[in-house]
Amino acid sequence: MLLLAMDTATPAVTVALHDGEAVVASSSQVDARRHGELLLPAVDRVLREAGLKLDAVTGIVVGVGPGPYTGLRVGLVTAAAFSSALGAPVHGLCTLDGLAYASGIDEPFAVATDARRKEVYWARYEDSRTRVTDASVDRPAEIAERLAGLPVVGAGARLYPEAFPDARDPEHQSAAALAALAAERLAAGGDGFLDPLPMYLRRPDAQVPKNYKVVTPQ
């Protein structure tokens, strides 16, 4: 087994290789505006670090979000392209699950990432492997009471400390954690994966103006 994992649903452009036993190489850069520019060089970097070629990969793991429109699509489209070229399956995972797994927390907690527009993407967990709610998008003040007393992992907790006073690491997504979670689920029978389709939860930030006039010939 050699899993190539990637996630671009958050400001972190993160890639990792996992051989079924451990992470053999990883790369993460935090830059919310350069997902398309940074992802493929990161893939090259982890393959070079591991001393492997792309054709050694047997499976692709990709974070499906929730996340903003453009960044999220970069990872998903790249995963689909690699899958087509290699004939390797794509295993989708909720991005929040990767953060939860990396936290190692073994008590109830939540994960919250930045959704922009003064909102967060979030979900509740029983422990680092068990999500107990669907991913949602809300304003921090609207969910503060529901998450009162719980640790909250992720950048969303650090952005809104008044709503989430018990912020915990990690702040950013790690493909290494996503790959390790995927390897664990594959070893257990392959359940718990999502279709590699974008989890948006809301409409894109960029929209056609309401009074837009068509100027091309009819």
Protein backbone atom coordinates (compact mmCIF):
# COMPACT_ATOMS: atom_id res chain seq x y z
CA MET A 1 0.00 0.00 0.00
CA LEU A 2 1.17 3.50 -0.79
CA LEU A 3 -1.37 6.25 -0.21
CA LEU A 4 -0.93 9.74 -1.60
CA ALA A 5 -3.00 12.11 0.58
CA MET A 6 -3.80 15.76 -0.11
CA ASP A 7 -6.10 18.45 1.21
CA THR A 8 -6.68 22.00 -0.03
CA ALA A 9 -9.98 22.73 1.74
CA THR A 10 -8.31 25.10 4.23
CA PRO A 11 -5.44 27.61 3.91
CA ALA A 12 -3.04 24.66 4.37
CA VAL A 13 -1.81 23.07 1.15
CA THR A 14 -0.83 19.70 2.55
CA VAL A 15 0.42 16.44 1.01
CA ALA A 16 1.66 13.17 2.49
CA LEU A 17 2.65 9.61 1.59
CA HIS A 18 1.68 6.67 3.82
CA ASP A 19 2.84 3.09 3.27
CA GLY A 20 0.14 1.46 5.37
CA GLU A 21 2.31 1.45 8.47
CA ALA A 22 3.55 5.02 8.80
CA VAL A 23 3.88 8.37 7.04
CA VAL A 24 7.00 8.25 4.88
CA ALA A 25 7.00 11.89 3.71
CA SER A 26 4.86 15.00 4.13
CA SER A 27 4.70 18.66 3.21
CA SER A 28 2.45 21.48 4.44
CA GLN A 29 2.36 25.17 3.54
CA VAL A 30 -0.21 27.66 4.78
CA ASP A 31 -1.23 30.06 2.02
CA ALA A 32 -4.91 30.67 1.33
CA ARG A 33 -4.35 32.14 -2.15
CA ARG A 34 -1.86 29.75 -3.80
CA HIS A 35 -3.42 26.28 -3.66
CA GLY A 36 -3.10 25.72 -7.40
CA GLU A 37 0.48 26.97 -7.46
CA LEU A 38 1.71 24.97 -4.46
CA LEU A 39 -0.01 21.59 -4.67
CA LEU A 40 1.84 19.83 -7.50
CA PRO A 41 5.30 20.97 -6.32
CA ALA A 42 4.38 19.58 -2.90
CA VAL A 43 3.49 16.23 -4.47
CA ASP A 44 6.84 16.20 -6.29
CA ARG A 45 8.61 17.10 -3.05
CA VAL A 46 7.15 14.27 -0.95
CA LEU A 47 7.79 11.70 -3.71
CA ARG A 48 11.38 12.87 -4.00
CA GLU A 49 11.84 12.80 -0.22
CA ALA A 50 10.52 9.23 -0.11
CA GLY A 51 12.64 8.20 -3.11
CA LEU A 52 9.55 7.00 -4.98
CA LYS A 53 7.87 7.58 -8.33
CA LEU A 54 4.23 8.51 -8.77
CA ASP A 55 3.45 5.13 -10.32
CA ALA A 56 4.18 3.48 -6.96
CA VAL A 57 1.02 5.04 -5.52
CA THR A 58 -1.82 2.54 -5.02
CA GLY A 59 -4.49 4.85 -3.63
CA ILE A 60 -5.37 8.55 -3.38
CA VAL A 61 -6.78 10.15 -0.23
CA VAL A 62 -8.35 13.59 -0.52
CA GLY A 63 -10.06 15.98 1.87
CA VAL A 64 -13.50 16.79 0.47
CA GLY A 65 -14.14 19.77 2.72
CA PRO A 66 -16.09 21.61 3.83
CA GLY A 67 -14.13 24.47 2.39
CA PRO A 68 -14.26 27.52 0.11
CA TYR A 69 -15.03 26.86 -3.54
CA THR A 70 -11.76 27.48 -5.39
CA GLY A 71 -9.21 26.03 -2.99
CA LEU A 72 -11.24 22.91 -2.35
CA ARG A 73 -11.58 22.12 -6.05
CA VAL A 74 -7.81 22.23 -6.58
CA GLY A 75 -7.24 19.17 -4.41
CA LEU A 76 -10.25 17.25 -5.70
CA VAL A 77 -9.46 17.81 -9.37
CA THR A 78 -5.81 16.86 -8.80
CA ALA A 79 -6.85 13.71 -6.96
CA ALA A 80 -9.18 12.78 -9.82
CA ALA A 81 -6.44 13.37 -12.41
CA PHE A 82 -3.97 11.16 -10.52
CA SER A 83 -6.63 8.49 -10.10
CA SER A 84 -7.32 8.45 -13.84
CA ALA A 85 -3.62 8.33 -14.74
CA LEU A 86 -2.72 5.61 -12.23
CA GLY A 87 -5.92 3.57 -12.18
CA ALA A 88 -5.90 4.01 -8.41
CA PRO A 89 -9.01 4.51 -6.26
CA VAL A 90 -9.78 7.84 -4.59
CA HIS A 91 -10.85 7.78 -0.94
CA GLY A 92 -12.65 10.93 0.20
CA LEU A 93 -12.55 12.05 3.83
CA CYS A 94 -14.15 14.98 5.59
CA THR A 95 -11.46 17.59 6.17
CA LEU A 96 -12.70 18.12 9.72
CA ASP A 97 -12.09 14.42 10.43
CA GLY A 98 -8.41 14.87 9.63
CA LEU A 99 -8.09 17.67 12.16
CA ALA A 100 -9.99 15.64 14.73
CA TYR A 101 -7.75 12.62 14.21
CA ALA A 102 -4.60 14.72 14.51
CA SER A 103 -5.80 16.16 17.83
CA GLY A 104 -5.66 12.77 19.58
CA ILE A 105 -8.38 13.94 21.97
CA ASP A 106 -10.24 11.04 23.63
CA GLU A 107 -13.16 13.00 25.07
CA PRO A 108 -16.01 14.99 23.48
CA PHE A 109 -14.82 18.03 21.53
CA ALA A 110 -15.45 19.98 18.33
CA VAL A 111 -13.52 21.05 15.25
CA ALA A 112 -13.97 24.48 13.67
CA THR A 113 -12.27 25.88 10.56
CA ASP A 114 -12.52 29.31 8.98
CA ALA A 115 -15.45 29.54 6.55
CA ARG A 116 -14.94 33.26 5.87
CA ARG A 117 -17.94 35.64 6.01
CA LYS A 118 -17.48 35.58 9.82
CA GLU A 119 -18.57 31.92 9.89
CA VAL A 120 -16.98 28.58 10.71
CA TYR A 121 -17.28 25.06 9.34
CA TRP A 122 -17.68 22.77 12.33
CA ALA A 123 -18.68 19.36 13.68
CA ARG A 124 -18.80 17.61 17.06
CA TYR A 125 -16.79 14.50 17.94
CA GLU A 126 -17.06 11.83 20.62
CA ASP A 127 -13.31 11.25 20.31
CA SER A 128 -10.61 11.76 17.68
CA ARG A 129 -12.02 8.99 15.45
CA THR A 130 -15.76 9.44 15.93
CA ARG A 131 -17.76 12.33 14.46
CA VAL A 132 -21.28 12.57 15.92
CA THR A 133 -22.76 15.40 13.82
CA ASP A 134 -22.73 16.31 10.16
CA ALA A 135 -20.41 19.12 9.12
CA SER A 136 -22.20 22.48 9.27
CA VAL A 137 -21.54 26.17 8.66
CA ASP A 138 -22.65 28.79 11.20
CA ARG A 139 -21.66 32.03 12.89
CA PRO A 140 -19.62 31.34 16.03
CA ALA A 141 -22.05 33.15 18.32
CA GLU A 142 -24.88 30.92 17.08
CA ILE A 143 -23.15 27.71 18.19
CA ALA A 144 -21.17 28.92 21.20
CA GLU A 145 -23.82 27.72 23.65
CA ARG A 146 -24.08 24.30 21.97
CA LEU A 147 -20.30 23.84 22.26
CA ALA A 148 -19.92 25.41 25.71
CA GLY A 149 -17.40 23.57 27.86
CA LEU A 150 -15.94 21.63 24.93
CA PRO A 151 -12.41 21.94 23.56
CA VAL A 152 -12.46 23.20 19.97
CA VAL A 153 -9.72 22.24 17.51
CA GLY A 154 -8.74 24.27 14.47
CA ALA A 155 -8.23 27.78 13.13
CA GLY A 156 -11.88 28.67 13.74
CA ALA A 157 -11.40 28.37 17.47
CA ARG A 158 -8.41 30.74 17.39
CA LEU A 159 -10.23 33.27 15.21
CA TYR A 160 -13.19 33.52 17.61
CA PRO A 161 -11.88 33.04 21.17
CA GLU A 162 -14.94 34.74 22.65
CA ALA A 163 -17.10 31.91 21.33
CA PHE A 164 -14.53 29.10 21.72
CA PRO A 165 -12.35 29.85 24.76
CA ASP A 166 -10.75 26.38 24.92
CA ALA A 167 -8.86 26.32 21.61
CA ARG A 168 -6.72 23.25 20.94
CA ASP A 169 -4.11 22.19 18.41
CA PRO A 170 -3.75 21.50 15.58
CA GLU A 171 -4.66 24.80 14.04
CA HIS A 172 -4.22 23.65 10.44
CA GLN A 173 -4.99 20.51 8.47
CA SER A 174 -2.32 17.86 7.96
CA ALA A 175 -2.36 15.37 5.08
CA ALA A 176 -0.18 13.13 7.27
CA ALA A 177 -3.08 12.76 9.72
CA LEU A 178 -5.57 12.33 6.87
CA ALA A 179 -3.42 9.58 5.36
CA ALA A 180 -3.03 7.81 8.71
CA LEU A 181 -6.78 7.91 9.27
CA ALA A 182 -7.40 6.51 5.78
CA ALA A 183 -4.86 3.72 6.29
CA GLU A 184 -6.55 2.80 9.56
CA ARG A 185 -9.99 2.67 7.94
CA LEU A 186 -8.72 0.64 4.98
CA ALA A 187 -7.11 -1.87 7.35
CA ALA A 188 -10.45 -2.16 9.17
CA GLY A 189 -12.36 -3.00 6.00
CA GLY A 190 -12.59 0.21 4.01
CA ASP A 191 -15.71 1.77 5.55
CA GLY A 192 -16.13 5.45 6.40
CA PHE A 193 -15.03 7.02 3.13
CA LEU A 194 -16.93 9.67 1.15
CA ASP A 195 -17.29 10.14 -2.58
CA PRO A 196 -14.54 12.50 -3.80
CA LEU A 197 -16.99 15.34 -4.39
CA PRO A 198 -16.77 18.84 -2.92
CA MET A 199 -18.59 19.51 0.35
CA TYR A 200 -19.44 23.20 0.00
CA LEU A 201 -22.36 23.69 2.47
CA ARG A 202 -23.16 27.03 0.85
CA ARG A 203 -23.01 28.92 -2.44
CA PRO A 204 -19.64 30.16 -3.81
CA ASP A 205 -18.36 33.59 -2.71
CA ALA A 206 -18.05 34.69 -6.35
CA GLN A 207 -21.41 35.07 -8.09
CA VAL A 208 -22.71 36.66 -11.30
CA PRO A 209 -24.11 40.14 -10.58
CA LYS A 210 -27.91 40.24 -10.50
CA ASN A 211 -28.16 42.92 -13.20
CA TYR A 212 -25.53 41.37 -15.44
CA LYS A 213 -26.11 42.20 -19.12
CA VAL A 214 -25.17 39.75 -21.87
CA VAL A 215 -23.09 41.51 -24.53
CA THR A 216 -22.14 38.53 -26.71
CA PRO A 217 -24.07 37.95 -29.96
CA GLN A 218 -27.23 35.87 -29.58
